[in-house]
Amino acid sequence: MDRTTLSTLGRGDHGLVAEITSEHAELKSRLYALGIIPGSKIEILRFAPLGDPMQVKVGNSLISIRKSEAEVIEVELN
């Protein structure tokens, strides 16, 4: 499977979270608390007018995250 970061995907793209590459424990912990954990399904729903933040669907939850946070989320495309 191809791997990329969540920040490079467009509206309607989806995949599986492969890894959180951040060295910052606080960010990693926050993403995990939001349900963005390795193996979870994630889909891009929409972007704010200026492209940041982005709304994603993880499981049954809708979450808004910044592009800078999306850059540390590696996704396997399916």
PDB file of N, CA and C in Angstrom:
ATOM      1  N   MET A   1       0.820  -1.186   0.000  1.00  0.00           N
ATOM      2  CA  MET A   1       0.000   0.000   0.000  1.00  0.00           C
ATOM      3  C   MET A   1       0.868   1.256   0.000  1.00  0.00           C
ATOM      4  N   ASP A   2       0.351   2.294  -0.642  1.00  0.00           N
ATOM      5  CA  ASP A   2       1.053   3.576  -0.646  1.00  0.00           C
ATOM      6  C   ASP A   2       0.887   4.254   0.702  1.00  0.00           C
ATOM      7  N   ARG A   3       1.930   4.985   1.114  1.00  0.00           N
ATOM      8  CA  ARG A   3       1.908   5.716   2.378  1.00  0.00           C
ATOM      9  C   ARG A   3       2.197   7.182   2.131  1.00  0.00           C
ATOM     10  N   THR A   4       1.443   8.047   2.797  1.00  0.00           N
ATOM     11  CA  THR A   4       1.641   9.485   2.689  1.00  0.00           C
ATOM     12  C   THR A   4       1.195  10.122   3.999  1.00  0.00           C
ATOM     13  N   THR A   5       1.346  11.433   4.096  1.00  0.00           N
ATOM     14  CA  THR A   5       0.852  12.104   5.298  1.00  0.00           C
ATOM     15  C   THR A   5      -0.578  12.579   5.059  1.00  0.00           C
ATOM     16  N   LEU A   6      -1.322  12.707   6.122  1.00  0.00           N
ATOM     17  CA  LEU A   6      -2.717  13.130   6.028  1.00  0.00           C
ATOM     18  C   LEU A   6      -2.837  14.511   5.384  1.00  0.00           C
ATOM     19  N   SER A   7      -1.839  15.364   5.592  1.00  0.00           N
ATOM     20  CA  SER A   7      -1.896  16.735   5.071  1.00  0.00           C
ATOM     21  C   SER A   7      -1.861  16.797   3.547  1.00  0.00           C
ATOM     22  N   THR A   8      -1.428  15.739   2.868  1.00  0.00           N
ATOM     23  CA  THR A   8      -1.344  15.749   1.408  1.00  0.00           C
ATOM     24  C   THR A   8      -2.622  15.248   0.736  1.00  0.00           C
ATOM     25  N   LEU A   9      -3.557  14.741   1.529  1.00  0.00           N
ATOM     26  CA  LEU A   9      -4.779  14.188   0.954  1.00  0.00           C
ATOM     27  C   LEU A   9      -5.797  15.285   0.658  1.00  0.00           C
ATOM     28  N   GLY A  10      -6.728  14.974  -0.217  1.00  0.00           N
ATOM     29  CA  GLY A  10      -7.780  15.915  -0.585  1.00  0.00           C
ATOM     30  C   GLY A  10      -9.131  15.460  -0.072  1.00  0.00           C
ATOM     31  N   ARG A  11     -10.116  16.290  -0.294  1.00  0.00           N
ATOM     32  CA  ARG A  11     -11.486  15.999   0.158  1.00  0.00           C
ATOM     33  C   ARG A  11     -11.960  14.656  -0.405  1.00  0.00           C
ATOM     34  N   GLY A  12     -12.497  13.825   0.471  1.00  0.00           N
ATOM     35  CA  GLY A  12     -13.019  12.523   0.067  1.00  0.00           C
ATOM     36  C   GLY A  12     -11.998  11.402   0.123  1.00  0.00           C
ATOM     37  N   ASP A  13     -10.713  11.737   0.255  1.00  0.00           N
ATOM     38  CA  ASP A  13      -9.684  10.695   0.355  1.00  0.00           C
ATOM     39  C   ASP A  13      -9.778  10.016   1.712  1.00  0.00           C
ATOM     40  N   HIS A  14      -9.380   8.750   1.746  1.00  0.00           N
ATOM     41  CA  HIS A  14      -9.446   8.008   3.000  1.00  0.00           C
ATOM     42  C   HIS A  14      -8.362   6.944   3.039  1.00  0.00           C
ATOM     43  N   GLY A  15      -8.111   6.447   4.227  1.00  0.00           N
ATOM     44  CA  GLY A  15      -7.103   5.415   4.412  1.00  0.00           C
ATOM     45  C   GLY A  15      -7.061   4.964   5.858  1.00  0.00           C
ATOM     46  N   LEU A  16      -5.992   4.261   6.205  1.00  0.00           N
ATOM     47  CA  LEU A  16      -5.785   3.787   7.562  1.00  0.00           C
ATOM     48  C   LEU A  16      -4.608   4.527   8.176  1.00  0.00           C
ATOM     49  N   VAL A  17      -4.759   4.949   9.417  1.00  0.00           N
ATOM     50  CA  VAL A  17      -3.658   5.600  10.119  1.00  0.00           C
ATOM     51  C   VAL A  17      -2.561   4.562  10.319  1.00  0.00           C
ATOM     52  N   ALA A  18      -1.360   4.857   9.824  1.00  0.00           N
ATOM     53  CA  ALA A  18      -0.230   3.934   9.945  1.00  0.00           C
ATOM     54  C   ALA A  18       0.635   4.268  11.156  1.00  0.00           C
ATOM     55  N   GLU A  19       0.885   5.573  11.359  1.00  0.00           N
ATOM     56  CA  GLU A  19       1.819   5.977  12.405  1.00  0.00           C
ATOM     57  C   GLU A  19       1.681   7.471  12.685  1.00  0.00           C
ATOM     58  N   ILE A  20       1.934   7.853  13.939  1.00  0.00           N
ATOM     59  CA  ILE A  20       2.043   9.261  14.319  1.00  0.00           C
ATOM     60  C   ILE A  20       3.534   9.519  14.496  1.00  0.00           C
ATOM     61  N   THR A  21       4.105  10.377  13.665  1.00  0.00           N
ATOM     62  CA  THR A  21       5.563  10.545  13.640  1.00  0.00           C
ATOM     63  C   THR A  21       6.081  11.669  14.518  1.00  0.00           C
ATOM     64  N   SER A  22       5.204  12.327  15.269  1.00  0.00           N
ATOM     65  CA  SER A  22       5.624  13.458  16.095  1.00  0.00           C
ATOM     66  C   SER A  22       6.502  13.016  17.262  1.00  0.00           C
ATOM     67  N   GLU A  23       7.509  13.824  17.563  1.00  0.00           N
ATOM     68  CA  GLU A  23       8.362  13.591  18.728  1.00  0.00           C
ATOM     69  C   GLU A  23       7.759  14.228  19.975  1.00  0.00           C
ATOM     70  N   HIS A  24       6.744  15.069  19.794  1.00  0.00           N
ATOM     71  CA  HIS A  24       6.127  15.779  20.914  1.00  0.00           C
ATOM     72  C   HIS A  24       5.072  14.893  21.569  1.00  0.00           C
ATOM     73  N   ALA A  25       5.324  14.490  22.789  1.00  0.00           N
ATOM     74  CA  ALA A  25       4.418  13.593  23.506  1.00  0.00           C
ATOM     75  C   ALA A  25       3.029  14.192  23.671  1.00  0.00           C
ATOM     76  N   GLU A  26       2.956  15.528  23.863  1.00  0.00           N
ATOM     77  CA  GLU A  26       1.658  16.178  24.061  1.00  0.00           C
ATOM     78  C   GLU A  26       0.789  16.051  22.815  1.00  0.00           C
ATOM     79  N   LEU A  27       1.364  16.278  21.644  1.00  0.00           N
ATOM     80  CA  LEU A  27       0.612  16.186  20.400  1.00  0.00           C
ATOM     81  C   LEU A  27       0.186  14.744  20.149  1.00  0.00           C
ATOM     82  N   LYS A  28       1.104  13.827  20.336  1.00  0.00           N
ATOM     83  CA  LYS A  28       0.799  12.414  20.138  1.00  0.00           C
ATOM     84  C   LYS A  28      -0.345  11.989  21.059  1.00  0.00           C
ATOM     85  N   SER A  29      -0.273  12.391  22.301  1.00  0.00           N
ATOM     86  CA  SER A  29      -1.305  12.061  23.286  1.00  0.00           C
ATOM     87  C   SER A  29      -2.649  12.659  22.886  1.00  0.00           C
ATOM     88  N   ARG A  30      -2.645  13.910  22.412  1.00  0.00           N
ATOM     89  CA  ARG A  30      -3.884  14.571  21.987  1.00  0.00           C
ATOM     90  C   ARG A  30      -4.522  13.842  20.810  1.00  0.00           C
ATOM     91  N   LEU A  31      -3.703  13.476  19.824  1.00  0.00           N
ATOM     92  CA  LEU A  31      -4.235  12.766  18.660  1.00  0.00           C
ATOM     93  C   LEU A  31      -4.793  11.407  19.056  1.00  0.00           C
ATOM     94  N   TYR A  32      -4.084  10.700  19.931  1.00  0.00           N
ATOM     95  CA  TYR A  32      -4.586   9.409  20.422  1.00  0.00           C
ATOM     96  C   TYR A  32      -5.914   9.585  21.151  1.00  0.00           C
ATOM     97  N   ALA A  33      -6.021  10.640  21.971  1.00  0.00           N
ATOM     98  CA  ALA A  33      -7.253  10.903  22.716  1.00  0.00           C
ATOM     99  C   ALA A  33      -8.427  11.198  21.779  1.00  0.00           C
ATOM    100  N   LEU A  34      -8.133  11.762  20.623  1.00  0.00           N
ATOM    101  CA  LEU A  34      -9.175  12.050  19.627  1.00  0.00           C
ATOM    102  C   LEU A  34      -9.559  10.812  18.821  1.00  0.00           C
ATOM    103  N   GLY A  35      -8.850   9.707  19.030  1.00  0.00           N
ATOM    104  CA  GLY A  35      -9.148   8.469  18.308  1.00  0.00           C
ATOM    105  C   GLY A  35      -8.286   8.243  17.092  1.00  0.00           C
ATOM    106  N   ILE A  36      -7.320   9.127  16.864  1.00  0.00           N
ATOM    107  CA  ILE A  36      -6.410   8.972  15.727  1.00  0.00           C
ATOM    108  C   ILE A  36      -5.252   8.092  16.182  1.00  0.00           C
ATOM    109  N   ILE A  37      -5.472   6.790  16.056  1.00  0.00           N
ATOM    110  CA  ILE A  37      -4.486   5.807  16.499  1.00  0.00           C
ATOM    111  C   ILE A  37      -4.163   4.879  15.334  1.00  0.00           C
ATOM    112  N   PRO A  38      -2.974   4.274  15.324  1.00  0.00           N
ATOM    113  CA  PRO A  38      -2.628   3.354  14.244  1.00  0.00           C
ATOM    114  C   PRO A  38      -3.701   2.273  14.062  1.00  0.00           C
ATOM    115  N   GLY A  39      -4.090   2.082  12.793  1.00  0.00           N
ATOM    116  CA  GLY A  39      -5.101   1.091  12.451  1.00  0.00           C
ATOM    117  C   GLY A  39      -6.497   1.657  12.288  1.00  0.00           C
ATOM    118  N   SER A  40      -6.721   2.908  12.709  1.00  0.00           N
ATOM    119  CA  SER A  40      -8.063   3.492  12.595  1.00  0.00           C
ATOM    120  C   SER A  40      -8.290   4.031  11.181  1.00  0.00           C
ATOM    121  N   LYS A  41      -9.535   3.947  10.730  1.00  0.00           N
ATOM    122  CA  LYS A  41      -9.914   4.488   9.422  1.00  0.00           C
ATOM    123  C   LYS A  41     -10.072   5.994   9.547  1.00  0.00           C
ATOM    124  N   ILE A  42      -9.595   6.708   8.532  1.00  0.00           N
ATOM    125  CA  ILE A  42      -9.687   8.169   8.562  1.00  0.00           C
ATOM    126  C   ILE A  42     -10.064   8.666   7.164  1.00  0.00           C
ATOM    127  N   GLU A  43     -10.919   9.676   7.121  1.00  0.00           N
ATOM    128  CA  GLU A  43     -11.392  10.240   5.850  1.00  0.00           C
ATOM    129  C   GLU A  43     -11.405  11.757   5.942  1.00  0.00           C
ATOM    130  N   ILE A  44     -10.969  12.422   4.870  1.00  0.00           N
ATOM    131  CA  ILE A  44     -11.009  13.882   4.794  1.00  0.00           C
ATOM    132  C   ILE A  44     -12.420  14.289   4.367  1.00  0.00           C
ATOM    133  N   LEU A  45     -13.082  15.111   5.177  1.00  0.00           N
ATOM    134  CA  LEU A  45     -14.437  15.556   4.846  1.00  0.00           C
ATOM    135  C   LEU A  45     -14.445  16.917   4.177  1.00  0.00           C
ATOM    136  N   ARG A  46     -13.756  17.897   4.766  1.00  0.00           N
ATOM    137  CA  ARG A  46     -13.753  19.253   4.190  1.00  0.00           C
ATOM    138  C   ARG A  46     -12.623  20.079   4.777  1.00  0.00           C
ATOM    139  N   PHE A  47     -12.405  21.218   4.139  1.00  0.00           N
ATOM    140  CA  PHE A  47     -11.378  22.157   4.569  1.00  0.00           C
ATOM    141  C   PHE A  47     -12.024  23.503   4.869  1.00  0.00           C
ATOM    142  N   ALA A  48     -11.463  24.253   5.797  1.00  0.00           N
ATOM    143  CA  ALA A  48     -11.906  25.625   6.048  1.00  0.00           C
ATOM    144  C   ALA A  48     -11.596  26.452   4.799  1.00  0.00           C
ATOM    145  N   PRO A  49     -12.226  27.616   4.638  1.00  0.00           N
ATOM    146  CA  PRO A  49     -12.018  28.424   3.431  1.00  0.00           C
ATOM    147  C   PRO A  49     -10.558  28.689   3.064  1.00  0.00           C
ATOM    148  N   LEU A  50      -9.691  28.852   4.030  1.00  0.00           N
ATOM    149  CA  LEU A  50      -8.272  29.081   3.726  1.00  0.00           C
ATOM    150  C   LEU A  50      -7.451  27.798   3.777  1.00  0.00           C
ATOM    151  N   GLY A  51      -8.134  26.645   3.893  1.00  0.00           N
ATOM    152  CA  GLY A  51      -7.452  25.354   3.857  1.00  0.00           C
ATOM    153  C   GLY A  51      -6.993  24.841   5.213  1.00  0.00           C
ATOM    154  N   ASP A  52      -7.201  25.601   6.262  1.00  0.00           N
ATOM    155  CA  ASP A  52      -6.743  25.177   7.581  1.00  0.00           C
ATOM    156  C   ASP A  52      -7.699  25.725   8.632  1.00  0.00           C
ATOM    157  N   PRO A  53      -8.303  24.935   9.485  1.00  0.00           N
ATOM    158  CA  PRO A  53      -8.092  23.509   9.703  1.00  0.00           C
ATOM    159  C   PRO A  53      -8.876  22.647   8.708  1.00  0.00           C
ATOM    160  N   MET A  54      -8.711  21.349   8.873  1.00  0.00           N
ATOM    161  CA  MET A  54      -9.417  20.385   8.046  1.00  0.00           C
ATOM    162  C   MET A  54     -10.298  19.530   8.948  1.00  0.00           C
ATOM    163  N   GLN A  55     -11.435  19.087   8.416  1.00  0.00           N
ATOM    164  CA  GLN A  55     -12.310  18.215   9.188  1.00  0.00           C
ATOM    165  C   GLN A  55     -12.141  16.794   8.686  1.00  0.00           C
ATOM    166  N   VAL A  56     -11.919  15.872   9.623  1.00  0.00           N
ATOM    167  CA  VAL A  56     -11.744  14.471   9.274  1.00  0.00           C
ATOM    168  C   VAL A  56     -12.736  13.627  10.052  1.00  0.00           C
ATOM    169  N   LYS A  57     -13.017  12.461   9.510  1.00  0.00           N
ATOM    170  CA  LYS A  57     -13.872  11.495  10.200  1.00  0.00           C
ATOM    171  C   LYS A  57     -12.991  10.327  10.624  1.00  0.00           C
ATOM    172  N   VAL A  58     -13.011  10.038  11.911  1.00  0.00           N
ATOM    173  CA  VAL A  58     -12.272   8.896  12.464  1.00  0.00           C
ATOM    174  C   VAL A  58     -13.291   8.054  13.208  1.00  0.00           C
ATOM    175  N   GLY A  59     -13.519   6.838  12.735  1.00  0.00           N
ATOM    176  CA  GLY A  59     -14.590   6.036  13.318  1.00  0.00           C
ATOM    177  C   GLY A  59     -15.907   6.754  13.099  1.00  0.00           C
ATOM    178  N   ASN A  60     -16.632   7.024  14.182  1.00  0.00           N
ATOM    179  CA  ASN A  60     -17.898   7.765  14.078  1.00  0.00           C
ATOM    180  C   ASN A  60     -17.754   9.219  14.511  1.00  0.00           C
ATOM    181  N   SER A  61     -16.523   9.662  14.741  1.00  0.00           N
ATOM    182  CA  SER A  61     -16.273  11.020  15.227  1.00  0.00           C
ATOM    183  C   SER A  61     -15.834  11.954  14.116  1.00  0.00           C
ATOM    184  N   LEU A  62     -16.304  13.201  14.184  1.00  0.00           N
ATOM    185  CA  LEU A  62     -15.855  14.247  13.273  1.00  0.00           C
ATOM    186  C   LEU A  62     -14.913  15.151  14.051  1.00  0.00           C
ATOM    187  N   ILE A  63     -13.711  15.360  13.529  1.00  0.00           N
ATOM    188  CA  ILE A  63     -12.659  16.080  14.242  1.00  0.00           C
ATOM    189  C   ILE A  63     -12.060  17.140  13.330  1.00  0.00           C
ATOM    190  N   SER A  64     -11.801  18.309  13.877  1.00  0.00           N
ATOM    191  CA  SER A  64     -11.073  19.350  13.142  1.00  0.00           C
ATOM    192  C   SER A  64      -9.641  19.378  13.651  1.00  0.00           C
ATOM    193  N   ILE A  65      -8.693  19.293  12.716  1.00  0.00           N
ATOM    194  CA  ILE A  65      -7.275  19.363  13.085  1.00  0.00           C
ATOM    195  C   ILE A  65      -6.558  20.322  12.153  1.00  0.00           C
ATOM    196  N   ARG A  66      -5.463  20.858  12.635  1.00  0.00           N
ATOM    197  CA  ARG A  66      -4.657  21.784  11.836  1.00  0.00           C
ATOM    198  C   ARG A  66      -3.817  21.008  10.826  1.00  0.00           C
ATOM    199  N   LYS A  67      -3.445  21.686   9.755  1.00  0.00           N
ATOM    200  CA  LYS A  67      -2.561  21.067   8.753  1.00  0.00           C
ATOM    201  C   LYS A  67      -1.246  20.639   9.386  1.00  0.00           C
ATOM    202  N   SER A  68      -0.727  21.453  10.330  1.00  0.00           N
ATOM    203  CA  SER A  68       0.541  21.109  10.982  1.00  0.00           C
ATOM    204  C   SER A  68       0.424  19.806  11.767  1.00  0.00           C
ATOM    205  N   GLU A  69      -0.751  19.540  12.322  1.00  0.00           N
ATOM    206  CA  GLU A  69      -0.974  18.266  13.019  1.00  0.00           C
ATOM    207  C   GLU A  69      -1.120  17.133  12.011  1.00  0.00           C
ATOM    208  N   ALA A  70      -1.769  17.408  10.894  1.00  0.00           N
ATOM    209  CA  ALA A  70      -1.971  16.387   9.865  1.00  0.00           C
ATOM    210  C   ALA A  70      -0.652  15.946   9.234  1.00  0.00           C
ATOM    211  N   GLU A  71       0.359  16.805   9.286  1.00  0.00           N
ATOM    212  CA  GLU A  71       1.660  16.471   8.696  1.00  0.00           C
ATOM    213  C   GLU A  71       2.383  15.344   9.432  1.00  0.00           C
ATOM    214  N   VAL A  72       2.019  15.087  10.681  1.00  0.00           N
ATOM    215  CA  VAL A  72       2.690  14.033  11.452  1.00  0.00           C
ATOM    216  C   VAL A  72       1.892  12.733  11.468  1.00  0.00           C
ATOM    217  N   ILE A  73       0.761  12.702  10.745  1.00  0.00           N
ATOM    218  CA  ILE A  73      -0.072  11.505  10.687  1.00  0.00           C
ATOM    219  C   ILE A  73       0.190  10.803   9.359  1.00  0.00           C
ATOM    220  N   GLU A  74       0.856   9.650   9.417  1.00  0.00           N
ATOM    221  CA  GLU A  74       1.096   8.862   8.203  1.00  0.00           C
ATOM    222  C   GLU A  74      -0.097   7.957   7.947  1.00  0.00           C
ATOM    223  N   VAL A  75      -0.532   7.931   6.677  1.00  0.00           N
ATOM    224  CA  VAL A  75      -1.728   7.190   6.294  1.00  0.00           C
ATOM    225  C   VAL A  75      -1.379   6.207   5.190  1.00  0.00           C
ATOM    226  N   GLU A  76      -1.939   4.983   5.290  1.00  0.00           N
ATOM    227  CA  GLU A  76      -1.845   4.014   4.193  1.00  0.00           C
ATOM    228  C   GLU A  76      -3.113   4.155   3.367  1.00  0.00           C
ATOM    229  N   LEU A  77      -2.942   4.415   2.096  1.00  0.00           N
ATOM    230  CA  LEU A  77      -4.093   4.595   1.200  1.00  0.00           C
ATOM    231  C   LEU A  77      -4.643   3.239   0.792  1.00  0.00           C
ATOM    232  N   ASN A  78      -5.989   3.166   0.714  1.00  0.00           N
ATOM    233  CA  ASN A  78      -6.601   1.909   0.273  1.00  0.00           C
ATOM    234  C   ASN A  78      -7.492   2.132  -0.910  1.00  0.00           C
TER     235      ASN A  78
END
